mmCIF file of all heavy atoms, coordinates in Angstrom:
data_MODEL
# 
_entry.id   MODEL 
# 
loop_
_atom_site.group_PDB 
_atom_site.id 
_atom_site.type_symbol 
_atom_site.label_atom_id 
_atom_site.label_alt_id 
_atom_site.label_comp_id 
_atom_site.label_asym_id 
_atom_site.label_entity_id 
_atom_site.label_seq_id 
_atom_site.pdbx_PDB_ins_code 
_atom_site.Cartn_x 
_atom_site.Cartn_y 
_atom_site.Cartn_z 
_atom_site.occupancy 
_atom_site.B_iso_or_equiv 
_atom_site.pdbx_formal_charge 
_atom_site.auth_seq_id 
_atom_site.auth_comp_id 
_atom_site.auth_asym_id 
_atom_site.auth_atom_id 
_atom_site.pdbx_PDB_model_num 
ATOM 1   N N   . SER A 1 1  ? -32.601 145.448 89.822  1.00 0.00 ? 1  SER A N   1 
ATOM 2   C CA  . SER A 1 1  ? -31.145 145.344 89.855  1.00 0.00 ? 1  SER A CA  1 
ATOM 3   C C   . SER A 1 1  ? -30.611 145.418 91.283  1.00 0.00 ? 1  SER A C   1 
ATOM 4   O O   . SER A 1 1  ? -29.471 145.018 91.546  1.00 0.00 ? 1  SER A O   1 
ATOM 5   C CB  . SER A 1 1  ? -30.513 146.465 89.020  1.00 0.00 ? 1  SER A CB  1 
ATOM 6   O OG  . SER A 1 1  ? -30.864 147.742 89.533  1.00 0.00 ? 1  SER A OG  1 
ATOM 7   N N   . SER A 1 2  ? -31.438 145.895 92.212  1.00 0.00 ? 2  SER A N   1 
ATOM 8   C CA  . SER A 1 2  ? -31.005 145.985 93.613  1.00 0.00 ? 2  SER A CA  1 
ATOM 9   C C   . SER A 1 2  ? -30.671 144.625 94.212  1.00 0.00 ? 2  SER A C   1 
ATOM 10  O O   . SER A 1 2  ? -29.948 144.547 95.213  1.00 0.00 ? 2  SER A O   1 
ATOM 11  C CB  . SER A 1 2  ? -32.091 146.660 94.457  1.00 0.00 ? 2  SER A CB  1 
ATOM 12  O OG  . SER A 1 2  ? -32.307 147.988 94.055  1.00 0.00 ? 2  SER A OG  1 
ATOM 13  N N   . VAL A 1 3  ? -31.187 143.541 93.611  1.00 0.00 ? 3  VAL A N   1 
ATOM 14  C CA  . VAL A 1 3  ? -30.918 142.214 94.186  1.00 0.00 ? 3  VAL A CA  1 
ATOM 15  C C   . VAL A 1 3  ? -29.441 141.872 94.149  1.00 0.00 ? 3  VAL A C   1 
ATOM 16  O O   . VAL A 1 3  ? -28.988 140.999 94.908  1.00 0.00 ? 3  VAL A O   1 
ATOM 17  C CB  . VAL A 1 3  ? -31.729 141.106 93.471  1.00 0.00 ? 3  VAL A CB  1 
ATOM 18  C CG1 . VAL A 1 3  ? -33.221 141.380 93.558  1.00 0.00 ? 3  VAL A CG1 1 
ATOM 19  C CG2 . VAL A 1 3  ? -31.288 140.917 92.029  1.00 0.00 ? 3  VAL A CG2 1 
ATOM 20  N N   . TYR A 1 4  ? -28.652 142.534 93.286  1.00 0.00 ? 4  TYR A N   1 
ATOM 21  C CA  . TYR A 1 4  ? -27.231 142.201 93.189  1.00 0.00 ? 4  TYR A CA  1 
ATOM 22  C C   . TYR A 1 4  ? -26.450 142.639 94.419  1.00 0.00 ? 4  TYR A C   1 
ATOM 23  O O   . TYR A 1 4  ? -25.345 142.141 94.661  1.00 0.00 ? 4  TYR A O   1 
ATOM 24  C CB  . TYR A 1 4  ? -26.634 142.793 91.905  1.00 0.00 ? 4  TYR A CB  1 
ATOM 25  C CG  . TYR A 1 4  ? -27.133 142.075 90.673  1.00 0.00 ? 4  TYR A CG  1 
ATOM 26  C CD1 . TYR A 1 4  ? -28.107 142.645 89.860  1.00 0.00 ? 4  TYR A CD1 1 
ATOM 27  C CD2 . TYR A 1 4  ? -26.671 140.812 90.345  1.00 0.00 ? 4  TYR A CD2 1 
ATOM 28  C CE1 . TYR A 1 4  ? -28.595 141.979 88.746  1.00 0.00 ? 4  TYR A CE1 1 
ATOM 29  C CE2 . TYR A 1 4  ? -27.162 140.141 89.236  1.00 0.00 ? 4  TYR A CE2 1 
ATOM 30  C CZ  . TYR A 1 4  ? -28.120 140.726 88.437  1.00 0.00 ? 4  TYR A CZ  1 
ATOM 31  O OH  . TYR A 1 4  ? -28.600 140.049 87.343  1.00 0.00 ? 4  TYR A OH  1 
ATOM 32  N N   . GLY A 1 5  ? -26.986 143.578 95.181  1.00 0.00 ? 5  GLY A N   1 
ATOM 33  C CA  . GLY A 1 5  ? -26.456 143.903 96.496  1.00 0.00 ? 5  GLY A CA  1 
ATOM 34  C C   . GLY A 1 5  ? -24.964 144.138 96.548  1.00 0.00 ? 5  GLY A C   1 
ATOM 35  O O   . GLY A 1 5  ? -24.418 145.005 95.872  1.00 0.00 ? 5  GLY A O   1 
ATOM 36  N N   . ALA A 1 6  ? -24.280 143.325 97.364  1.00 0.00 ? 6  ALA A N   1 
ATOM 37  C CA  . ALA A 1 6  ? -22.852 143.511 97.616  1.00 0.00 ? 6  ALA A CA  1 
ATOM 38  C C   . ALA A 1 6  ? -21.970 143.029 96.469  1.00 0.00 ? 6  ALA A C   1 
ATOM 39  O O   . ALA A 1 6  ? -20.750 143.210 96.523  1.00 0.00 ? 6  ALA A O   1 
ATOM 40  C CB  . ALA A 1 6  ? -22.459 142.788 98.906  1.00 0.00 ? 6  ALA A CB  1 
ATOM 41  N N   . ASN A 1 7  ? -22.554 142.418 95.449  1.00 0.00 ? 7  ASN A N   1 
ATOM 42  C CA  . ASN A 1 7  ? -21.769 141.948 94.310  1.00 0.00 ? 7  ASN A CA  1 
ATOM 43  C C   . ASN A 1 7  ? -21.103 143.124 93.592  1.00 0.00 ? 7  ASN A C   1 
ATOM 44  O O   . ASN A 1 7  ? -21.750 144.121 93.288  1.00 0.00 ? 7  ASN A O   1 
ATOM 45  C CB  . ASN A 1 7  ? -22.679 141.203 93.329  1.00 0.00 ? 7  ASN A CB  1 
ATOM 46  C CG  . ASN A 1 7  ? -21.954 140.761 92.073  1.00 0.00 ? 7  ASN A CG  1 
ATOM 47  O OD1 . ASN A 1 7  ? -20.792 140.366 92.137  1.00 0.00 ? 7  ASN A OD1 1 
ATOM 48  N ND2 . ASN A 1 7  ? -22.630 140.843 90.937  1.00 0.00 ? 7  ASN A ND2 1 
ATOM 49  N N   . THR A 1 8  ? -19.826 143.019 93.321  1.00 0.00 ? 8  THR A N   1 
ATOM 50  C CA  . THR A 1 8  ? -19.114 144.079 92.608  1.00 0.00 ? 8  THR A CA  1 
ATOM 51  C C   . THR A 1 8  ? -18.485 143.565 91.314  1.00 0.00 ? 8  THR A C   1 
ATOM 52  O O   . THR A 1 8  ? -17.596 144.206 90.747  1.00 0.00 ? 8  THR A O   1 
ATOM 53  C CB  . THR A 1 8  ? -18.013 144.701 93.489  1.00 0.00 ? 8  THR A CB  1 
ATOM 54  O OG1 . THR A 1 8  ? -17.127 143.674 93.952  1.00 0.00 ? 8  THR A OG1 1 
ATOM 55  C CG2 . THR A 1 8  ? -18.625 145.428 94.683  1.00 0.00 ? 8  THR A CG2 1 
ATOM 56  N N   . LYS A 1 9  ? -18.918 142.407 90.848  1.00 0.00 ? 9  LYS A N   1 
ATOM 57  C CA  . LYS A 1 9  ? -18.437 141.885 89.576  1.00 0.00 ? 9  LYS A CA  1 
ATOM 58  C C   . LYS A 1 9  ? -19.338 142.431 88.474  1.00 0.00 ? 9  LYS A C   1 
ATOM 59  O O   . LYS A 1 9  ? -20.510 142.092 88.391  1.00 0.00 ? 9  LYS A O   1 
ATOM 60  C CB  . LYS A 1 9  ? -18.474 140.357 89.584  1.00 0.00 ? 9  LYS A CB  1 
ATOM 61  C CG  . LYS A 1 9  ? -17.907 139.721 88.314  1.00 0.00 ? 9  LYS A CG  1 
ATOM 62  C CD  . LYS A 1 9  ? -17.925 138.198 88.407  1.00 0.00 ? 9  LYS A CD  1 
ATOM 63  C CE  . LYS A 1 9  ? -17.354 137.563 87.137  1.00 0.00 ? 9  LYS A CE  1 
ATOM 64  N NZ  . LYS A 1 9  ? -17.363 136.079 87.218  1.00 0.00 ? 9  LYS A NZ  1 
ATOM 65  N N   . TYR A 1 10 ? -18.763 143.282 87.609  1.00 0.00 ? 10 TYR A N   1 
ATOM 66  C CA  . TYR A 1 10 ? -19.551 143.959 86.582  1.00 0.00 ? 10 TYR A CA  1 
ATOM 67  C C   . TYR A 1 10 ? -19.218 143.416 85.199  1.00 0.00 ? 10 TYR A C   1 
ATOM 68  O O   . TYR A 1 10 ? -18.076 143.021 84.939  1.00 0.00 ? 10 TYR A O   1 
ATOM 69  C CB  . TYR A 1 10 ? -19.283 145.466 86.609  1.00 0.00 ? 10 TYR A CB  1 
ATOM 70  C CG  . TYR A 1 10 ? -19.582 146.119 87.936  1.00 0.00 ? 10 TYR A CG  1 
ATOM 71  C CD1 . TYR A 1 10 ? -18.565 146.713 88.679  1.00 0.00 ? 10 TYR A CD1 1 
ATOM 72  C CD2 . TYR A 1 10 ? -20.868 146.113 88.452  1.00 0.00 ? 10 TYR A CD2 1 
ATOM 73  C CE1 . TYR A 1 10 ? -18.823 147.299 89.903  1.00 0.00 ? 10 TYR A CE1 1 
ATOM 74  C CE2 . TYR A 1 10 ? -21.137 146.709 89.674  1.00 0.00 ? 10 TYR A CE2 1 
ATOM 75  C CZ  . TYR A 1 10 ? -20.115 147.287 90.396  1.00 0.00 ? 10 TYR A CZ  1 
ATOM 76  O OH  . TYR A 1 10 ? -20.383 147.869 91.613  1.00 0.00 ? 10 TYR A OH  1 
ATOM 77  N N   . PRO A 1 11 ? -20.174 143.431 84.278  1.00 0.00 ? 11 PRO A N   1 
ATOM 78  C CA  . PRO A 1 11 ? -21.579 143.784 84.513  1.00 0.00 ? 11 PRO A CA  1 
ATOM 79  C C   . PRO A 1 11 ? -22.313 142.696 85.277  1.00 0.00 ? 11 PRO A C   1 
ATOM 80  O O   . PRO A 1 11 ? -21.874 141.546 85.306  1.00 0.00 ? 11 PRO A O   1 
ATOM 81  C CB  . PRO A 1 11 ? -22.128 143.942 83.099  1.00 0.00 ? 11 PRO A CB  1 
ATOM 82  C CG  . PRO A 1 11 ? -21.292 143.014 82.277  1.00 0.00 ? 11 PRO A CG  1 
ATOM 83  C CD  . PRO A 1 11 ? -19.911 143.077 82.874  1.00 0.00 ? 11 PRO A CD  1 
ATOM 84  N N   . PHE A 1 12 ? -23.429 143.065 85.903  1.00 0.00 ? 12 PHE A N   1 
ATOM 85  C CA  . PHE A 1 12 ? -24.218 142.108 86.670  1.00 0.00 ? 12 PHE A CA  1 
ATOM 86  C C   . PHE A 1 12 ? -24.856 141.085 85.725  1.00 0.00 ? 12 PHE A C   1 
ATOM 87  O O   . PHE A 1 12 ? -25.507 141.444 84.750  1.00 0.00 ? 12 PHE A O   1 
ATOM 88  C CB  . PHE A 1 12 ? -25.337 142.814 87.434  1.00 0.00 ? 12 PHE A CB  1 
ATOM 89  C CG  . PHE A 1 12 ? -24.849 143.722 88.531  1.00 0.00 ? 12 PHE A CG  1 
ATOM 90  C CD1 . PHE A 1 12 ? -25.605 144.818 88.912  1.00 0.00 ? 12 PHE A CD1 1 
ATOM 91  C CD2 . PHE A 1 12 ? -23.657 143.481 89.189  1.00 0.00 ? 12 PHE A CD2 1 
ATOM 92  C CE1 . PHE A 1 12 ? -25.179 145.662 89.931  1.00 0.00 ? 12 PHE A CE1 1 
ATOM 93  C CE2 . PHE A 1 12 ? -23.214 144.321 90.209  1.00 0.00 ? 12 PHE A CE2 1 
ATOM 94  C CZ  . PHE A 1 12 ? -23.980 145.415 90.578  1.00 0.00 ? 12 PHE A CZ  1 
ATOM 95  N N   . SER A 1 13 ? -24.684 139.823 86.037  1.00 0.00 ? 13 SER A N   1 
ATOM 96  C CA  . SER A 1 13 ? -25.260 138.751 85.234  1.00 0.00 ? 13 SER A CA  1 
ATOM 97  C C   . SER A 1 13 ? -26.308 138.001 86.043  1.00 0.00 ? 13 SER A C   1 
ATOM 98  O O   . SER A 1 13 ? -26.172 137.848 87.266  1.00 0.00 ? 13 SER A O   1 
ATOM 99  C CB  . SER A 1 13 ? -24.157 137.771 84.796  1.00 0.00 ? 13 SER A CB  1 
ATOM 100 O OG  . SER A 1 13 ? -24.713 136.591 84.252  1.00 0.00 ? 13 SER A OG  1 
ATOM 101 N N   . VAL A 1 14 ? -27.337 137.508 85.355  1.00 0.00 ? 14 VAL A N   1 
ATOM 102 C CA  . VAL A 1 14 ? -28.362 136.718 86.038  1.00 0.00 ? 14 VAL A CA  1 
ATOM 103 C C   . VAL A 1 14 ? -27.778 135.411 86.578  1.00 0.00 ? 14 VAL A C   1 
ATOM 104 O O   . VAL A 1 14 ? -28.450 134.703 87.329  1.00 0.00 ? 14 VAL A O   1 
ATOM 105 C CB  . VAL A 1 14 ? -29.557 136.419 85.107  1.00 0.00 ? 14 VAL A CB  1 
ATOM 106 C CG1 . VAL A 1 14 ? -30.377 137.679 84.882  1.00 0.00 ? 14 VAL A CG1 1 
ATOM 107 C CG2 . VAL A 1 14 ? -29.109 135.815 83.790  1.00 0.00 ? 14 VAL A CG2 1 
ATOM 108 N N   . ARG A 1 15 ? -26.559 135.101 86.207  1.00 0.00 ? 15 ARG A N   1 
ATOM 109 C CA  . ARG A 1 15 ? -25.897 133.897 86.727  1.00 0.00 ? 15 ARG A CA  1 
ATOM 110 C C   . ARG A 1 15 ? -25.117 134.161 88.006  1.00 0.00 ? 15 ARG A C   1 
ATOM 111 O O   . ARG A 1 15 ? -24.611 133.242 88.630  1.00 0.00 ? 15 ARG A O   1 
ATOM 112 C CB  . ARG A 1 15 ? -24.970 133.307 85.659  1.00 0.00 ? 15 ARG A CB  1 
ATOM 113 C CG  . ARG A 1 15 ? -25.703 132.828 84.417  1.00 0.00 ? 15 ARG A CG  1 
ATOM 114 C CD  . ARG A 1 15 ? -24.742 132.418 83.308  1.00 0.00 ? 15 ARG A CD  1 
ATOM 115 N NE  . ARG A 1 15 ? -25.460 131.921 82.147  1.00 0.00 ? 15 ARG A NE  1 
ATOM 116 C CZ  . ARG A 1 15 ? -26.010 132.675 81.219  1.00 0.00 ? 15 ARG A CZ  1 
ATOM 117 N NH1 . ARG A 1 15 ? -25.933 133.990 81.328  1.00 0.00 ? 15 ARG A NH1 1 
ATOM 118 N NH2 . ARG A 1 15 ? -26.646 132.146 80.192  1.00 0.00 ? 15 ARG A NH2 1 
ATOM 119 N N   . HIS A 1 16 ? -25.010 135.449 88.386  1.00 0.00 ? 16 HIS A N   1 
ATOM 120 C CA  . HIS A 1 16 ? -24.251 135.800 89.584  1.00 0.00 ? 16 HIS A CA  1 
ATOM 121 C C   . HIS A 1 16 ? -25.017 135.466 90.864  1.00 0.00 ? 16 HIS A C   1 
ATOM 122 O O   . HIS A 1 16 ? -26.251 135.417 90.881  1.00 0.00 ? 16 HIS A O   1 
ATOM 123 C CB  . HIS A 1 16 ? -23.923 137.294 89.590  1.00 0.00 ? 16 HIS A CB  1 
ATOM 124 C CG  . HIS A 1 16 ? -22.885 137.685 88.589  1.00 0.00 ? 16 HIS A CG  1 
ATOM 125 N ND1 . HIS A 1 16 ? -22.575 138.999 88.323  1.00 0.00 ? 16 HIS A ND1 1 
ATOM 126 C CD2 . HIS A 1 16 ? -22.080 136.949 87.791  1.00 0.00 ? 16 HIS A CD2 1 
ATOM 127 C CE1 . HIS A 1 16 ? -21.632 139.059 87.394  1.00 0.00 ? 16 HIS A CE1 1 
ATOM 128 N NE2 . HIS A 1 16 ? -21.321 137.819 87.061  1.00 0.00 ? 16 HIS A NE2 1 
ATOM 129 N N   . ASN A 1 17 ? -24.266 135.306 91.946  1.00 0.00 ? 17 ASN A N   1 
ATOM 130 C CA  . ASN A 1 17 ? -24.859 135.112 93.264  1.00 0.00 ? 17 ASN A CA  1 
ATOM 131 C C   . ASN A 1 17 ? -25.532 136.400 93.727  1.00 0.00 ? 17 ASN A C   1 
ATOM 132 O O   . ASN A 1 17 ? -24.973 137.488 93.583  1.00 0.00 ? 17 ASN A O   1 
ATOM 133 C CB  . ASN A 1 17 ? -23.769 134.699 94.256  1.00 0.00 ? 17 ASN A CB  1 
ATOM 134 C CG  . ASN A 1 17 ? -24.308 134.436 95.645  1.00 0.00 ? 17 ASN A CG  1 
ATOM 135 O OD1 . ASN A 1 17 ? -24.623 135.372 96.370  1.00 0.00 ? 17 ASN A OD1 1 
ATOM 136 N ND2 . ASN A 1 17 ? -24.414 133.182 96.011  1.00 0.00 ? 17 ASN A ND2 1 
ATOM 137 N N   . VAL A 1 18 ? -26.741 136.265 94.273  1.00 0.00 ? 18 VAL A N   1 
ATOM 138 C CA  . VAL A 1 18 ? -27.467 137.453 94.754  1.00 0.00 ? 18 VAL A CA  1 
ATOM 139 C C   . VAL A 1 18 ? -27.967 137.216 96.182  1.00 0.00 ? 18 VAL A C   1 
ATOM 140 O O   . VAL A 1 18 ? -29.078 137.607 96.539  1.00 0.00 ? 18 VAL A O   1 
ATOM 141 C CB  . VAL A 1 18 ? -28.646 137.818 93.817  1.00 0.00 ? 18 VAL A CB  1 
ATOM 142 C CG1 . VAL A 1 18 ? -28.132 138.407 92.521  1.00 0.00 ? 18 VAL A CG1 1 
ATOM 143 C CG2 . VAL A 1 18 ? -29.519 136.609 93.528  1.00 0.00 ? 18 VAL A CG2 1 
ATOM 144 N N   . ASP A 1 19 ? -27.136 136.642 97.004  1.00 0.00 ? 19 ASP A N   1 
ATOM 145 C CA  . ASP A 1 19 ? -27.526 136.298 98.370  1.00 0.00 ? 19 ASP A CA  1 
ATOM 146 C C   . ASP A 1 19 ? -27.069 137.323 99.401  1.00 0.00 ? 19 ASP A C   1 
ATOM 147 O O   . ASP A 1 19 ? -27.100 137.030 100.604 1.00 0.00 ? 19 ASP A O   1 
ATOM 148 C CB  . ASP A 1 19 ? -26.973 134.924 98.747  1.00 0.00 ? 19 ASP A CB  1 
ATOM 149 C CG  . ASP A 1 19 ? -27.646 133.803 97.969  1.00 0.00 ? 19 ASP A CG  1 
ATOM 150 O OD1 . ASP A 1 19 ? -28.792 134.018 97.516  1.00 0.00 ? 19 ASP A OD1 1 
ATOM 151 O OD2 . ASP A 1 19 ? -27.035 132.735 97.809  1.00 0.00 ? 19 ASP A OD2 1 
ATOM 152 N N   . HIS A 1 20 ? -26.643 138.504 98.960  1.00 0.00 ? 20 HIS A N   1 
ATOM 153 C CA  . HIS A 1 20 ? -26.176 139.520 99.910  1.00 0.00 ? 20 HIS A CA  1 
ATOM 154 C C   . HIS A 1 20 ? -26.817 140.875 99.613  1.00 0.00 ? 20 HIS A C   1 
ATOM 155 O O   . HIS A 1 20 ? -26.138 141.832 99.228  1.00 0.00 ? 20 HIS A O   1 
ATOM 156 C CB  . HIS A 1 20 ? -24.646 139.614 99.870  1.00 0.00 ? 20 HIS A CB  1 
ATOM 157 C CG  . HIS A 1 20 ? -23.966 138.347 100.252 1.00 0.00 ? 20 HIS A CG  1 
ATOM 158 N ND1 . HIS A 1 20 ? -23.703 137.334 99.359  1.00 0.00 ? 20 HIS A ND1 1 
ATOM 159 C CD2 . HIS A 1 20 ? -23.524 137.903 101.465 1.00 0.00 ? 20 HIS A CD2 1 
ATOM 160 C CE1 . HIS A 1 20 ? -23.113 136.334 99.986  1.00 0.00 ? 20 HIS A CE1 1 
ATOM 161 N NE2 . HIS A 1 20 ? -23.004 136.645 101.253 1.00 0.00 ? 20 HIS A NE2 1 
ATOM 162 N N   . PRO A 1 21 ? -28.141 140.984 99.787  1.00 0.00 ? 21 PRO A N   1 
ATOM 163 C CA  . PRO A 1 21 ? -28.827 142.265 99.555  1.00 0.00 ? 21 PRO A CA  1 
ATOM 164 C C   . PRO A 1 21 ? -28.374 143.314 100.559 1.00 0.00 ? 21 PRO A C   1 
ATOM 165 O O   . PRO A 1 21 ? -27.992 142.996 101.688 1.00 0.00 ? 21 PRO A O   1 
ATOM 166 C CB  . PRO A 1 21 ? -30.306 141.907 99.733  1.00 0.00 ? 21 PRO A CB  1 
ATOM 167 C CG  . PRO A 1 21 ? -30.299 140.705 100.632 1.00 0.00 ? 21 PRO A CG  1 
ATOM 168 C CD  . PRO A 1 21 ? -29.065 139.936 100.278 1.00 0.00 ? 21 PRO A CD  1 
ATOM 169 N N   . LEU A 1 22 ? -28.445 144.584 100.133 1.00 0.00 ? 22 LEU A N   1 
ATOM 170 C CA  . LEU A 1 22 ? -28.007 145.686 100.992 1.00 0.00 ? 22 LEU A CA  1 
ATOM 171 C C   . LEU A 1 22 ? -29.158 146.554 101.484 1.00 0.00 ? 22 LEU A C   1 
ATOM 172 O O   . LEU A 1 22 ? -28.928 147.554 102.156 1.00 0.00 ? 22 LEU A O   1 
ATOM 173 C CB  . LEU A 1 22 ? -26.992 146.555 100.226 1.00 0.00 ? 22 LEU A CB  1 
ATOM 174 C CG  . LEU A 1 22 ? -25.700 145.849 99.816  1.00 0.00 ? 22 LEU A CG  1 
ATOM 175 C CD1 . LEU A 1 22 ? -24.771 146.823 99.090  1.00 0.00 ? 22 LEU A CD1 1 
ATOM 176 C CD2 . LEU A 1 22 ? -24.994 145.234 101.011 1.00 0.00 ? 22 LEU A CD2 1 
ATOM 177 N N   . SER A 1 23 ? -30.378 146.191 101.153 1.00 0.00 ? 23 SER A N   1 
ATOM 178 C CA  . SER A 1 23 ? -31.558 146.913 101.639 1.00 0.00 ? 23 SER A CA  1 
ATOM 179 C C   . SER A 1 23 ? -32.714 145.932 101.757 1.00 0.00 ? 23 SER A C   1 
ATOM 180 O O   . SER A 1 23 ? -32.716 144.876 101.110 1.00 0.00 ? 23 SER A O   1 
ATOM 181 C CB  . SER A 1 23 ? -31.937 148.054 100.677 1.00 0.00 ? 23 SER A CB  1 
ATOM 182 O OG  . SER A 1 23 ? -32.414 147.533 99.446  1.00 0.00 ? 23 SER A OG  1 
ATOM 183 N N   . LEU A 1 24 ? -33.697 146.289 102.569 1.00 0.00 ? 24 LEU A N   1 
ATOM 184 C CA  . LEU A 1 24 ? -34.874 145.435 102.687 1.00 0.00 ? 24 LEU A CA  1 
ATOM 185 C C   . LEU A 1 24 ? -35.622 145.377 101.362 1.00 0.00 ? 24 LEU A C   1 
ATOM 186 O O   . LEU A 1 24 ? -36.169 144.329 100.989 1.00 0.00 ? 24 LEU A O   1 
ATOM 187 C CB  . LEU A 1 24 ? -35.801 145.940 103.794 1.00 0.00 ? 24 LEU A CB  1 
ATOM 188 C CG  . LEU A 1 24 ? -37.044 145.055 104.004 1.00 0.00 ? 24 LEU A CG  1 
ATOM 189 C CD1 . LEU A 1 24 ? -36.642 143.689 104.549 1.00 0.00 ? 24 LEU A CD1 1 
ATOM 190 C CD2 . LEU A 1 24 ? -38.049 145.718 104.927 1.00 0.00 ? 24 LEU A CD2 1 
ATOM 191 N N   . TYR A 1 25 ? -35.646 146.498 100.628 1.00 0.00 ? 25 TYR A N   1 
ATOM 192 C CA  . TYR A 1 25 ? -36.273 146.478 99.303  1.00 0.00 ? 25 TYR A CA  1 
ATOM 193 C C   . TYR A 1 25 ? -35.655 145.388 98.433  1.00 0.00 ? 25 TYR A C   1 
ATOM 194 O O   . TYR A 1 25 ? -36.364 144.583 97.824  1.00 0.00 ? 25 TYR A O   1 
ATOM 195 C CB  . TYR A 1 25 ? -36.115 147.843 98.633  1.00 0.00 ? 25 TYR A CB  1 
ATOM 196 C CG  . TYR A 1 25 ? -36.479 147.836 97.170  1.00 0.00 ? 25 TYR A CG  1 
ATOM 197 C CD1 . TYR A 1 25 ? -37.792 147.621 96.760  1.00 0.00 ? 25 TYR A CD1 1 
ATOM 198 C CD2 . TYR A 1 25 ? -35.512 148.032 96.178  1.00 0.00 ? 25 TYR A CD2 1 
ATOM 199 C CE1 . TYR A 1 25 ? -38.127 147.596 95.413  1.00 0.00 ? 25 TYR A CE1 1 
ATOM 200 C CE2 . TYR A 1 25 ? -35.841 148.018 94.839  1.00 0.00 ? 25 TYR A CE2 1 
ATOM 201 C CZ  . TYR A 1 25 ? -37.145 147.795 94.460  1.00 0.00 ? 25 TYR A CZ  1 
ATOM 202 O OH  . TYR A 1 25 ? -37.479 147.764 93.129  1.00 0.00 ? 25 TYR A OH  1 
ATOM 203 N N   . ALA A 1 26 ? -34.337 145.356 98.373  1.00 0.00 ? 26 ALA A N   1 
ATOM 204 C CA  . ALA A 1 26 ? -33.649 144.338 97.582  1.00 0.00 ? 26 ALA A CA  1 
ATOM 205 C C   . ALA A 1 26 ? -33.987 142.935 98.075  1.00 0.00 ? 26 ALA A C   1 
ATOM 206 O O   . ALA A 1 26 ? -34.197 142.019 97.268  1.00 0.00 ? 26 ALA A O   1 
ATOM 207 C CB  . ALA A 1 26 ? -32.145 144.576 97.630  1.00 0.00 ? 26 ALA A CB  1 
ATOM 208 N N   . ALA A 1 27 ? -34.047 142.764 99.375  1.00 0.00 ? 27 ALA A N   1 
ATOM 209 C CA  . ALA A 1 27 ? -34.365 141.447 99.936  1.00 0.00 ? 27 ALA A CA  1 
ATOM 210 C C   . ALA A 1 27 ? -35.760 140.992 99.541  1.00 0.00 ? 27 ALA A C   1 
ATOM 211 O O   . ALA A 1 27 ? -35.974 139.810 99.238  1.00 0.00 ? 27 ALA A O   1 
ATOM 212 C CB  . ALA A 1 27 ? -34.227 141.479 101.458 1.00 0.00 ? 27 ALA A CB  1 
# 
């Protein structure tokens, strides 16, 4: 779930953009 990063649109959907990770783990 860390891949959702800076996204704040809840709940997180697999259709959401995940191009803004907040940790190297997420990246």
